[in-house]
C-alpha atoms as a PDB file:
ATOM      1  CA  MET A   1      15.950 -14.980 -11.091  1.00  0.00           C
ATOM      2  CA  LYS A   2      15.582 -10.763 -11.699  1.00  0.00           C
ATOM      3  CA  ILE A   3      11.725 -10.195 -11.429  1.00  0.00           C
ATOM      4  CA  ALA A   4      10.724  -6.629 -13.216  1.00  0.00           C
ATOM      5  CA  ILE A   5      10.206  -3.376 -10.397  1.00  0.00           C
ATOM      6  CA  ARG A   6       8.316  -1.747 -13.089  1.00  0.00           C
ATOM      7  CA  LEU A   7       4.750  -2.979 -14.103  1.00  0.00           C
ATOM      8  CA  SER A   8       4.489  -3.824 -17.556  1.00  0.00           C
ATOM      9  CA  LEU A   9       1.621  -4.356 -20.403  1.00  0.00           C
ATOM     10  CA  PRO A  10       0.840  -7.497 -20.314  1.00  0.00           C
ATOM     11  CA  PHE A  11       0.375  -6.766 -16.923  1.00  0.00           C
ATOM     12  CA  LEU A  12      -1.669  -4.067 -17.245  1.00  0.00           C
ATOM     13  CA  ILE A  13      -4.106  -5.866 -19.923  1.00  0.00           C
ATOM     14  CA  ILE A  14      -4.471  -9.165 -17.893  1.00  0.00           C
ATOM     15  CA  TYR A  15      -5.482  -6.637 -14.583  1.00  0.00           C
ATOM     16  CA  SER A  16      -7.578  -4.760 -17.166  1.00  0.00           C
ATOM     17  CA  SER A  17     -10.213  -8.130 -17.962  1.00  0.00           C
ATOM     18  CA  ILE A  18      -9.726  -8.435 -14.392  1.00  0.00           C
ATOM     19  CA  VAL A  19     -11.072  -5.091 -12.834  1.00  0.00           C
ATOM     20  CA  LEU A  20     -13.768  -4.910 -16.584  1.00  0.00           C
ATOM     21  CA  MET A  21     -15.720  -7.513 -15.033  1.00  0.00           C
ATOM     22  CA  GLY A  22     -16.635  -4.992 -11.845  1.00  0.00           C
ATOM     23  CA  THR A  23     -16.913  -1.897 -10.686  1.00  0.00           C
ATOM     24  CA  ALA A  24     -13.064  -0.574 -10.543  1.00  0.00           C
ATOM     25  CA  TYR A  25     -13.440   0.638  -6.818  1.00  0.00           C
ATOM     26  CA  SER A  26     -15.573   1.213  -3.983  1.00  0.00           C
ATOM     27  CA  GLU A  27     -17.382   4.122  -3.413  1.00  0.00           C
ATOM     28  CA  GLU A  28     -18.275   3.017   0.425  1.00  0.00           C
ATOM     29  CA  ASN A  29     -16.147   3.824   3.518  1.00  0.00           C
ATOM     30  CA  THR A  30     -15.496   0.272   3.992  1.00  0.00           C
ATOM     31  CA  ASN A  31     -12.329  -2.087   3.845  1.00  0.00           C
ATOM     32  CA  GLY A  32     -12.790  -5.295   5.939  1.00  0.00           C
ATOM     33  CA  SER A  33     -12.343  -4.303   9.333  1.00  0.00           C
ATOM     34  CA  ASP A  34     -15.395  -4.237  12.168  1.00  0.00           C
ATOM     35  CA  GLN A  35     -15.392  -0.897  13.616  1.00  0.00           C
ATOM     36  CA  LYS A  36     -14.813  -1.494  17.560  1.00  0.00           C
ATOM     37  CA  PRO A  37     -16.011   0.927  20.427  1.00  0.00           C
ATOM     38  CA  ASP A  38     -12.439   1.929  22.141  1.00  0.00           C
ATOM     39  CA  GLU A  39     -11.503   3.391  18.229  1.00  0.00           C
ATOM     40  CA  TYR A  40     -10.212   6.971  18.025  1.00  0.00           C
ATOM     41  CA  PRO A  41     -12.251   9.788  16.666  1.00  0.00           C
ATOM     42  CA  ILE A  42     -10.595  11.103  14.391  1.00  0.00           C
ATOM     43  CA  ASP A  43      -9.659  14.433  12.579  1.00  0.00           C
ATOM     44  CA  THR A  44      -8.855  14.437   8.602  1.00  0.00           C
ATOM     45  CA  SER A  45      -8.154  16.975   5.883  1.00  0.00           C
ATOM     46  CA  THR A  46      -6.129  17.470   2.918  1.00  0.00           C
ATOM     47  CA  VAL A  47      -2.599  19.248   3.342  1.00  0.00           C
ATOM     48  CA  TRP A  48       0.034  20.655   0.997  1.00  0.00           C
ATOM     49  CA  TYR A  49       3.820  19.621   1.266  1.00  0.00           C
ATOM     50  CA  VAL A  50       6.865  20.518  -1.742  1.00  0.00           C
ATOM     51  CA  SER A  51       8.382  17.085  -3.071  1.00  0.00           C
ATOM     52  CA  GLY A  52      10.915  17.241  -5.653  1.00  0.00           C
ATOM     53  CA  PRO A  53       9.711  21.041  -7.764  1.00  0.00           C
ATOM     54  CA  ASP A  54       6.411  19.803  -6.984  1.00  0.00           C
ATOM     55  CA  THR A  55       3.970  20.696  -4.289  1.00  0.00           C
ATOM     56  CA  VAL A  56       2.062  17.969  -3.473  1.00  0.00           C
ATOM     57  CA  SER A  57      -1.491  16.889  -1.692  1.00  0.00           C
ATOM     58  CA  ALA A  58      -2.790  14.378   0.367  1.00  0.00           C
ATOM     59  CA  TYR A  59      -5.399  13.012   2.171  1.00  0.00           C
ATOM     60  CA  LEU A  60      -4.002  12.792   6.565  1.00  0.00           C
ATOM     61  CA  ALA A  61      -6.580  11.247   8.744  1.00  0.00           C
ATOM     62  CA  VAL A  62      -5.687  11.495  12.248  1.00  0.00           C
ATOM     63  CA  PRO A  63      -6.458  10.019  15.797  1.00  0.00           C
ATOM     64  CA  LYS A  64      -7.693  12.890  18.491  1.00  0.00           C
ATOM     65  CA  GLY A  65      -5.087  12.566  21.284  1.00  0.00           C
ATOM     66  CA  ASP A  66      -2.715  13.431  23.277  1.00  0.00           C
ATOM     67  CA  GLY A  67       1.200  12.169  22.733  1.00  0.00           C
ATOM     68  CA  LYS A  68       2.587  10.637  19.360  1.00  0.00           C
ATOM     69  CA  PHE A  69       2.000   8.278  17.343  1.00  0.00           C
ATOM     70  CA  PRO A  70       3.250   5.355  15.496  1.00  0.00           C
ATOM     71  CA  ALA A  71       2.316   6.597  11.525  1.00  0.00           C
ATOM     72  CA  LEU A  72       1.562   5.235   7.567  1.00  0.00           C
ATOM     73  CA  ILE A  73       1.939   6.216   4.442  1.00  0.00           C
ATOM     74  CA  VAL A  74      -0.917   4.776   2.214  1.00  0.00           C
ATOM     75  CA  ILE A  75       0.404   4.562  -1.627  1.00  0.00           C
ATOM     76  CA  HIS A  76      -3.121   3.925  -3.320  1.00  0.00           C
ATOM     77  CA  GLU A  77      -4.313   0.899  -6.535  1.00  0.00           C
ATOM     78  CA  TRP A  78      -3.831   2.134 -10.533  1.00  0.00           C
ATOM     79  CA  TRP A  79      -7.481   3.580 -10.462  1.00  0.00           C
ATOM     80  CA  GLY A  80      -5.583   7.031  -7.907  1.00  0.00           C
ATOM     81  CA  LEU A  81      -6.489   8.197  -5.034  1.00  0.00           C
ATOM     82  CA  THR A  82     -10.048   7.103  -4.659  1.00  0.00           C
ATOM     83  CA  PRO A  83     -12.381   6.447  -2.018  1.00  0.00           C
ATOM     84  CA  TRP A  84     -11.939   3.624  -0.905  1.00  0.00           C
ATOM     85  CA  MET A  85      -7.994   4.183  -0.249  1.00  0.00           C
ATOM     86  CA  LYS A  86      -9.045   7.489   1.719  1.00  0.00           C
ATOM     87  CA  SER A  87     -11.893   4.923   4.077  1.00  0.00           C
ATOM     88  CA  ASN A  88      -8.515   2.843   4.025  1.00  0.00           C
ATOM     89  CA  ALA A  89      -6.427   5.176   5.284  1.00  0.00           C
ATOM     90  CA  ASP A  90      -9.723   6.376   8.320  1.00  0.00           C
ATOM     91  CA  SER A  91      -9.513   3.218   9.804  1.00  0.00           C
ATOM     92  CA  PHE A  92      -5.691   3.222  10.243  1.00  0.00           C
ATOM     93  CA  ALA A  93      -6.165   6.220  11.999  1.00  0.00           C
ATOM     94  CA  LYS A  94      -9.489   5.088  14.117  1.00  0.00           C
ATOM     95  CA  LYS A  95      -6.397   2.329  15.201  1.00  0.00           C
ATOM     96  CA  GLY A  96      -4.198   4.852  16.729  1.00  0.00           C
ATOM     97  CA  TYR A  97      -2.090   5.472  13.416  1.00  0.00           C
ATOM     98  CA  ILE A  98      -1.361   8.579  11.388  1.00  0.00           C
ATOM     99  CA  ALA A  99      -2.586   8.054   8.380  1.00  0.00           C
ATOM    100  CA  LEU A 100      -1.187   9.653   5.269  1.00  0.00           C
ATOM    101  CA  ALA A 101      -2.418   8.854   2.168  1.00  0.00           C
ATOM    102  CA  ILE A 102      -0.145  10.073  -1.198  1.00  0.00           C
ATOM    103  CA  ASP A 103      -1.764  11.293  -4.221  1.00  0.00           C
ATOM    104  CA  LEU A 104       1.075   9.684  -7.259  1.00  0.00           C
ATOM    105  CA  TYR A 105      -0.857  11.208  -9.762  1.00  0.00           C
ATOM    106  CA  ARG A 106      -1.264  15.055  -8.778  1.00  0.00           C
ATOM    107  CA  GLY A 107      -5.323  14.654  -8.544  1.00  0.00           C
ATOM    108  CA  LYS A 108      -6.201  12.555 -11.081  1.00  0.00           C
ATOM    109  CA  SER A 109      -8.004   9.018 -10.488  1.00  0.00           C
ATOM    110  CA  THR A 110     -10.850   7.635 -12.679  1.00  0.00           C
ATOM    111  CA  SER A 111     -12.632   4.307 -12.600  1.00  0.00           C
ATOM    112  CA  ASP A 112     -11.897   3.354 -15.839  1.00  0.00           C
ATOM    113  CA  PRO A 113      -9.419   0.576 -16.836  1.00  0.00           C
ATOM    114  CA  LYS A 114      -7.973   1.632 -20.237  1.00  0.00           C
ATOM    115  CA  GLU A 115      -7.262   5.749 -18.505  1.00  0.00           C
ATOM    116  CA  ALA A 116      -5.546   3.846 -15.141  1.00  0.00           C
ATOM    117  CA  MET A 117      -3.210   1.839 -18.450  1.00  0.00           C
ATOM    118  CA  ASN A 118      -2.662   4.913 -19.575  1.00  0.00           C
ATOM    119  CA  TYR A 119      -1.760   6.885 -16.297  1.00  0.00           C
ATOM    120  CA  VAL A 120       0.562   3.744 -15.289  1.00  0.00           C
ATOM    121  CA  LYS A 121       2.253   3.771 -18.833  1.00  0.00           C
ATOM    122  CA  ASN A 122       2.608   6.991 -18.399  1.00  0.00           C
ATOM    123  CA  PHE A 123       4.157   6.552 -14.421  1.00  0.00           C
ATOM    124  CA  SER A 124       7.016   8.171 -13.896  1.00  0.00           C
ATOM    125  CA  LYS A 125       9.159   5.509 -11.263  1.00  0.00           C
ATOM    126  CA  ASN A 126      12.069   8.688 -10.363  1.00  0.00           C
ATOM    127  CA  LYS A 127       9.113  11.799  -9.474  1.00  0.00           C
ATOM    128  CA  ALA A 128       7.001   8.332  -7.247  1.00  0.00           C
ATOM    129  CA  ILE A 129       9.824   8.187  -5.430  1.00  0.00           C
ATOM    130  CA  ILE A 130      10.472  11.508  -4.841  1.00  0.00           C
ATOM    131  CA  ASP A 131       7.260  11.750  -3.422  1.00  0.00           C
ATOM    132  CA  LEU A 132       7.480   8.386  -1.648  1.00  0.00           C
ATOM    133  CA  LYS A 133      11.010  10.162   0.558  1.00  0.00           C
ATOM    134  CA  SER A 134       8.463  13.659   0.646  1.00  0.00           C
ATOM    135  CA  ALA A 135       5.942  12.172   2.503  1.00  0.00           C
ATOM    136  CA  PHE A 136       8.235  10.385   4.764  1.00  0.00           C
ATOM    137  CA  SER A 137       9.608  13.870   5.504  1.00  0.00           C
ATOM    138  CA  TYR A 138       6.217  15.599   5.891  1.00  0.00           C
ATOM    139  CA  LEU A 139       5.324  12.555   8.616  1.00  0.00           C
ATOM    140  CA  SER A 140       8.504  13.166  10.408  1.00  0.00           C
ATOM    141  CA  GLY A 141       7.906  16.684  10.918  1.00  0.00           C
ATOM    142  CA  LEU A 142       5.339  16.367  12.495  1.00  0.00           C
ATOM    143  CA  SER A 143       4.828  17.295  16.228  1.00  0.00           C
ATOM    144  CA  ASN A 144       2.107  14.158  16.410  1.00  0.00           C
ATOM    145  CA  VAL A 145       4.021  11.540  15.394  1.00  0.00           C
ATOM    146  CA  ASP A 146       6.320   8.973  16.486  1.00  0.00           C
ATOM    147  CA  THR A 147       9.187   9.320  13.906  1.00  0.00           C
ATOM    148  CA  HIS A 148      10.583   5.685  14.896  1.00  0.00           C
ATOM    149  CA  LYS A 149       7.507   4.263  14.025  1.00  0.00           C
ATOM    150  CA  ILE A 150       6.708   5.553  10.300  1.00  0.00           C
ATOM    151  CA  GLY A 151       5.690   1.919   7.928  1.00  0.00           C
ATOM    152  CA  SER A 152       3.982   2.137   4.294  1.00  0.00           C
ATOM    153  CA  ILE A 153       1.627  -0.523   2.755  1.00  0.00           C
ATOM    154  CA  GLY A 154      -0.263  -0.012  -0.719  1.00  0.00           C
ATOM    155  CA  TRP A 155      -1.768  -2.065  -3.004  1.00  0.00           C
ATOM    156  CA  CYS A 156      -0.766  -3.376  -6.403  1.00  0.00           C
ATOM    157  CA  PHE A 157       0.250  -0.548  -8.186  1.00  0.00           C
ATOM    158  CA  GLY A 158       1.054   1.059  -4.912  1.00  0.00           C
ATOM    159  CA  GLY A 159       1.633  -2.276  -3.136  1.00  0.00           C
ATOM    160  CA  GLY A 160       4.514  -2.222  -5.678  1.00  0.00           C
ATOM    161  CA  TYR A 161       5.090   1.611  -4.768  1.00  0.00           C
ATOM    162  CA  SER A 162       5.363   0.152  -0.621  1.00  0.00           C
ATOM    163  CA  PHE A 163       7.718  -2.527  -1.834  1.00  0.00           C
ATOM    164  CA  GLN A 164       9.866   0.997  -3.066  1.00  0.00           C
ATOM    165  CA  ALA A 165       9.446   3.325   0.065  1.00  0.00           C
ATOM    166  CA  ALA A 166      11.182  -0.034   1.946  1.00  0.00           C
ATOM    167  CA  LEU A 167      14.004   0.321  -1.036  1.00  0.00           C
ATOM    168  CA  ASN A 168      14.622   3.709  -0.786  1.00  0.00           C
ATOM    169  CA  ILE A 169      13.719   5.131   3.163  1.00  0.00           C
ATOM    170  CA  PRO A 170      16.155   3.491   5.479  1.00  0.00           C
ATOM    171  CA  GLN A 171      14.812   4.536   7.574  1.00  0.00           C
ATOM    172  CA  LEU A 172      10.741   2.878   6.994  1.00  0.00           C
ATOM    173  CA  THR A 173       9.807   0.410   9.880  1.00  0.00           C
ATOM    174  CA  LEU A 174       8.476  -1.739   7.995  1.00  0.00           C
ATOM    175  CA  CYS A 175       6.604  -2.345   4.723  1.00  0.00           C
ATOM    176  CA  ILE A 176       2.907  -4.001   4.193  1.00  0.00           C
ATOM    177  CA  VAL A 177       2.999  -5.432  -0.232  1.00  0.00           C
ATOM    178  CA  ASN A 178      -0.416  -5.552  -0.805  1.00  0.00           C
ATOM    179  CA  TYR A 179      -0.662  -8.213  -3.770  1.00  0.00           C
ATOM    180  CA  GLY A 180       2.224  -5.603  -6.069  1.00  0.00           C
ATOM    181  CA  THR A 181       5.483  -6.523  -7.527  1.00  0.00           C
ATOM    182  CA  LEU A 182       8.175  -6.958  -6.070  1.00  0.00           C
ATOM    183  CA  SER A 183      11.381  -7.975  -6.848  1.00  0.00           C
ATOM    184  CA  SER A 184      14.251 -11.049  -6.179  1.00  0.00           C
ATOM    185  CA  ASN A 185      17.420  -9.612  -6.929  1.00  0.00           C
ATOM    186  CA  GLU A 186      19.130 -10.573  -3.774  1.00  0.00           C
ATOM    187  CA  ASP A 187      21.591  -6.860  -4.080  1.00  0.00           C
ATOM    188  CA  LEU A 188      18.569  -5.088  -4.600  1.00  0.00           C
ATOM    189  CA  ILE A 189      16.851  -6.270  -1.319  1.00  0.00           C
ATOM    190  CA  LYS A 190      19.631  -6.412   1.131  1.00  0.00           C
ATOM    191  CA  ASN A 191      18.915  -2.661   0.367  1.00  0.00           C
ATOM    192  CA  ILE A 192      15.383  -3.452   2.928  1.00  0.00           C
ATOM    193  CA  HIS A 193      15.569  -2.595   5.817  1.00  0.00           C
ATOM    194  CA  CYS A 194      12.610  -2.662   7.661  1.00  0.00           C
ATOM    195  CA  PRO A 195      10.014  -6.320   8.408  1.00  0.00           C
ATOM    196  CA  MET A 196       7.914  -6.964   5.053  1.00  0.00           C
ATOM    197  CA  LEU A 197       4.197  -8.697   5.349  1.00  0.00           C
ATOM    198  CA  CYS A 198       3.730  -9.504   1.640  1.00  0.00           C
ATOM    199  CA  ILE A 199      -0.388 -10.638   0.814  1.00  0.00           C
ATOM    200  CA  PHE A 200      -1.276 -12.721  -1.962  1.00  0.00           C
ATOM    201  CA  GLY A 201      -4.186 -14.629  -3.033  1.00  0.00           C
ATOM    202  CA  ASP A 202      -2.344 -18.525  -5.013  1.00  0.00           C
ATOM    203  CA  GLU A 203      -4.850 -17.594  -7.667  1.00  0.00           C
ATOM    204  CA  ASP A 204      -3.169 -13.629  -8.933  1.00  0.00           C
ATOM    205  CA  LYS A 205      -2.981 -14.255 -12.655  1.00  0.00           C
ATOM    206  CA  ALA A 206      -1.538 -10.671 -12.390  1.00  0.00           C
ATOM    207  CA  ILE A 207       1.542 -11.330  -9.856  1.00  0.00           C
ATOM    208  CA  PRO A 208       2.463 -15.162 -10.708  1.00  0.00           C
ATOM    209  CA  PRO A 209       2.662 -16.669  -7.132  1.00  0.00           C
ATOM    210  CA  ASP A 210       6.093 -18.481  -8.971  1.00  0.00           C
ATOM    211  CA  SER A 211       7.594 -14.659  -8.752  1.00  0.00           C
ATOM    212  CA  VAL A 212       6.208 -13.782  -4.970  1.00  0.00           C
ATOM    213  CA  LYS A 213       8.224 -17.265  -4.066  1.00  0.00           C
ATOM    214  CA  ALA A 214      11.426 -16.245  -6.102  1.00  0.00           C
ATOM    215  CA  PHE A 215      11.382 -12.856  -3.771  1.00  0.00           C
ATOM    216  CA  ASP A 216      10.280 -15.173  -0.448  1.00  0.00           C
ATOM    217  CA  LYS A 217      13.429 -17.548  -1.187  1.00  0.00           C
ATOM    218  CA  ALA A 218      15.582 -14.679  -1.827  1.00  0.00           C
ATOM    219  CA  ALA A 219      14.654 -12.891   1.466  1.00  0.00           C
ATOM    220  CA  LYS A 220      15.665 -15.684   2.950  1.00  0.00           C
ATOM    221  CA  GLU A 221      18.839 -15.341   1.857  1.00  0.00           C
ATOM    222  CA  VAL A 222      20.244 -12.299   2.493  1.00  0.00           C
ATOM    223  CA  GLY A 223      18.044 -12.633   5.847  1.00  0.00           C
ATOM    224  CA  LEU A 224      15.731  -9.839   5.445  1.00  0.00           C
ATOM    225  CA  ASN A 225      12.631 -10.321   7.593  1.00  0.00           C
ATOM    226  CA  ALA A 226       9.438 -10.960   5.468  1.00  0.00           C
ATOM    227  CA  ASP A 227       6.356 -12.676   6.068  1.00  0.00           C
ATOM    228  CA  VAL A 228       5.045 -13.938   2.787  1.00  0.00           C
ATOM    229  CA  GLU A 229       1.497 -14.825   2.921  1.00  0.00           C
ATOM    230  CA  PHE A 230      -0.476 -16.499   0.431  1.00  0.00           C
ATOM    231  CA  PHE A 231      -4.514 -16.741   0.381  1.00  0.00           C
ATOM    232  CA  PRO A 232      -6.686 -19.466  -0.716  1.00  0.00           C
ATOM    233  CA  GLY A 233      -8.781 -19.130  -3.783  1.00  0.00           C
ATOM    234  CA  VAL A 234      -8.758 -15.662  -4.205  1.00  0.00           C
ATOM    235  CA  GLY A 235      -6.902 -13.320  -7.258  1.00  0.00           C
ATOM    236  CA  HIS A 236      -5.756 -10.507  -7.794  1.00  0.00           C
ATOM    237  CA  ALA A 237      -6.952  -7.252  -5.980  1.00  0.00           C
ATOM    238  CA  PHE A 238      -9.566  -9.687  -3.374  1.00  0.00           C
ATOM    239  CA  MET A 239      -9.673  -7.258  -0.763  1.00  0.00           C
ATOM    240  CA  ASN A 240     -11.277  -4.153  -2.675  1.00  0.00           C
ATOM    241  CA  PRO A 241     -15.030  -4.312  -1.942  1.00  0.00           C
ATOM    242  CA  GLY A 242     -15.458  -2.577  -5.572  1.00  0.00           C
ATOM    243  CA  ASN A 243     -14.019  -5.479  -7.045  1.00  0.00           C
ATOM    244  CA  MET A 244     -17.752  -7.035  -8.230  1.00  0.00           C
ATOM    245  CA  TYR A 245     -16.332 -10.152  -8.955  1.00  0.00           C
ATOM    246  CA  GLY A 246     -13.104 -10.775  -7.245  1.00  0.00           C
ATOM    247  CA  TYR A 247     -13.682  -9.340  -3.487  1.00  0.00           C
ATOM    248  CA  LYS A 248     -13.313 -11.769  -1.023  1.00  0.00           C
ATOM    249  CA  LYS A 249     -15.283 -10.676   2.060  1.00  0.00           C
ATOM    250  CA  GLU A 250     -13.981 -13.335   4.599  1.00  0.00           C
ATOM    251  CA  THR A 251     -10.838 -13.458   3.131  1.00  0.00           C
ATOM    252  CA  ALA A 252     -10.499  -9.690   2.878  1.00  0.00           C
ATOM    253  CA  ASP A 253     -11.328  -8.927   6.744  1.00  0.00           C
ATOM    254  CA  SER A 254      -8.080 -12.514   7.270  1.00  0.00           C
ATOM    255  CA  ALA A 255      -5.886 -10.138   5.048  1.00  0.00           C
ATOM    256  CA  TRP A 256      -7.024  -6.999   7.606  1.00  0.00           C
ATOM    257  CA  GLY A 257      -6.162  -8.856  10.934  1.00  0.00           C
ATOM    258  CA  ASP A 258      -3.354 -10.094   9.948  1.00  0.00           C
ATOM    259  CA  ILE A 259      -1.749  -6.155   8.948  1.00  0.00           C
ATOM    260  CA  TYR A 260      -3.272  -5.190  12.395  1.00  0.00           C
ATOM    261  CA  ASP A 261      -1.561  -7.837  13.826  1.00  0.00           C
ATOM    262  CA  PHE A 262       2.026  -7.030  12.275  1.00  0.00           C
ATOM    263  CA  LEU A 263       0.953  -3.137  12.014  1.00  0.00           C
ATOM    264  CA  ASP A 264       0.118  -3.430  16.176  1.00  0.00           C
ATOM    265  CA  LYS A 265       3.834  -5.495  16.861  1.00  0.00           C
ATOM    266  CA  HIS A 266       6.112  -3.151  15.073  1.00  0.00           C
ATOM    267  CA  LEU A 267       4.359   0.525  15.502  1.00  0.00           C
ATOM    268  CA  LYS A 268       2.387   0.150  19.111  1.00  0.00           C
ATOM    269  CA  LYS A 269       5.342  -2.577  21.065  1.00  0.00           C
END
């Protein structure tokens, strides 16, 4: 069984029906994780670097301190590089990770599901893969990055492209997919050489649980280190505080706890 990696029109229609019920993305500087007194102070900036024939921008959040830090490529939902994505990057930096929130849409973002659908329908997967590789190269070239500890994380649309990063960047240290499209093609996932954490809601109508279970089965068949988690009673985009009818704070907090445990295990230890 092979699950398509490109987002299909039925997926987009289903996702639109979900997000039309509430705010598309949050302006709040929150991601569900509680701030602790031992967190790093951080610096943030917009950075520019070459990606294929283009020069692209990204949001960079860096913990202040000496030495080298592990790093993350942070990949946005289909809305684009929104304030919530930037706040996630900030939170990673406060925990000691250099976070590069990339902008696959080249400056475009929206809170309108129809516009977001058009973004995805006209989107170039090949260009995105070039952008992912370029983001990895950019982080690898920073003097304060531990080049042996660079991972990827994304949500929904970005979760699918976090999976693409694992498929296309053999040096990647880890991959986190939050309710993004996977594949159960064993020949394909044999190309992944890093541990994965895959987080889903068991009531997700956009990413059917059966397709995730098919990936889980295929991952076990090929010996891929993939931890697949289903959170009960939640659907798609349950981690985004702007999803007024789908956000579940307690469940999101639990998912964030698992994410940081996974990051600490594979990037800090």
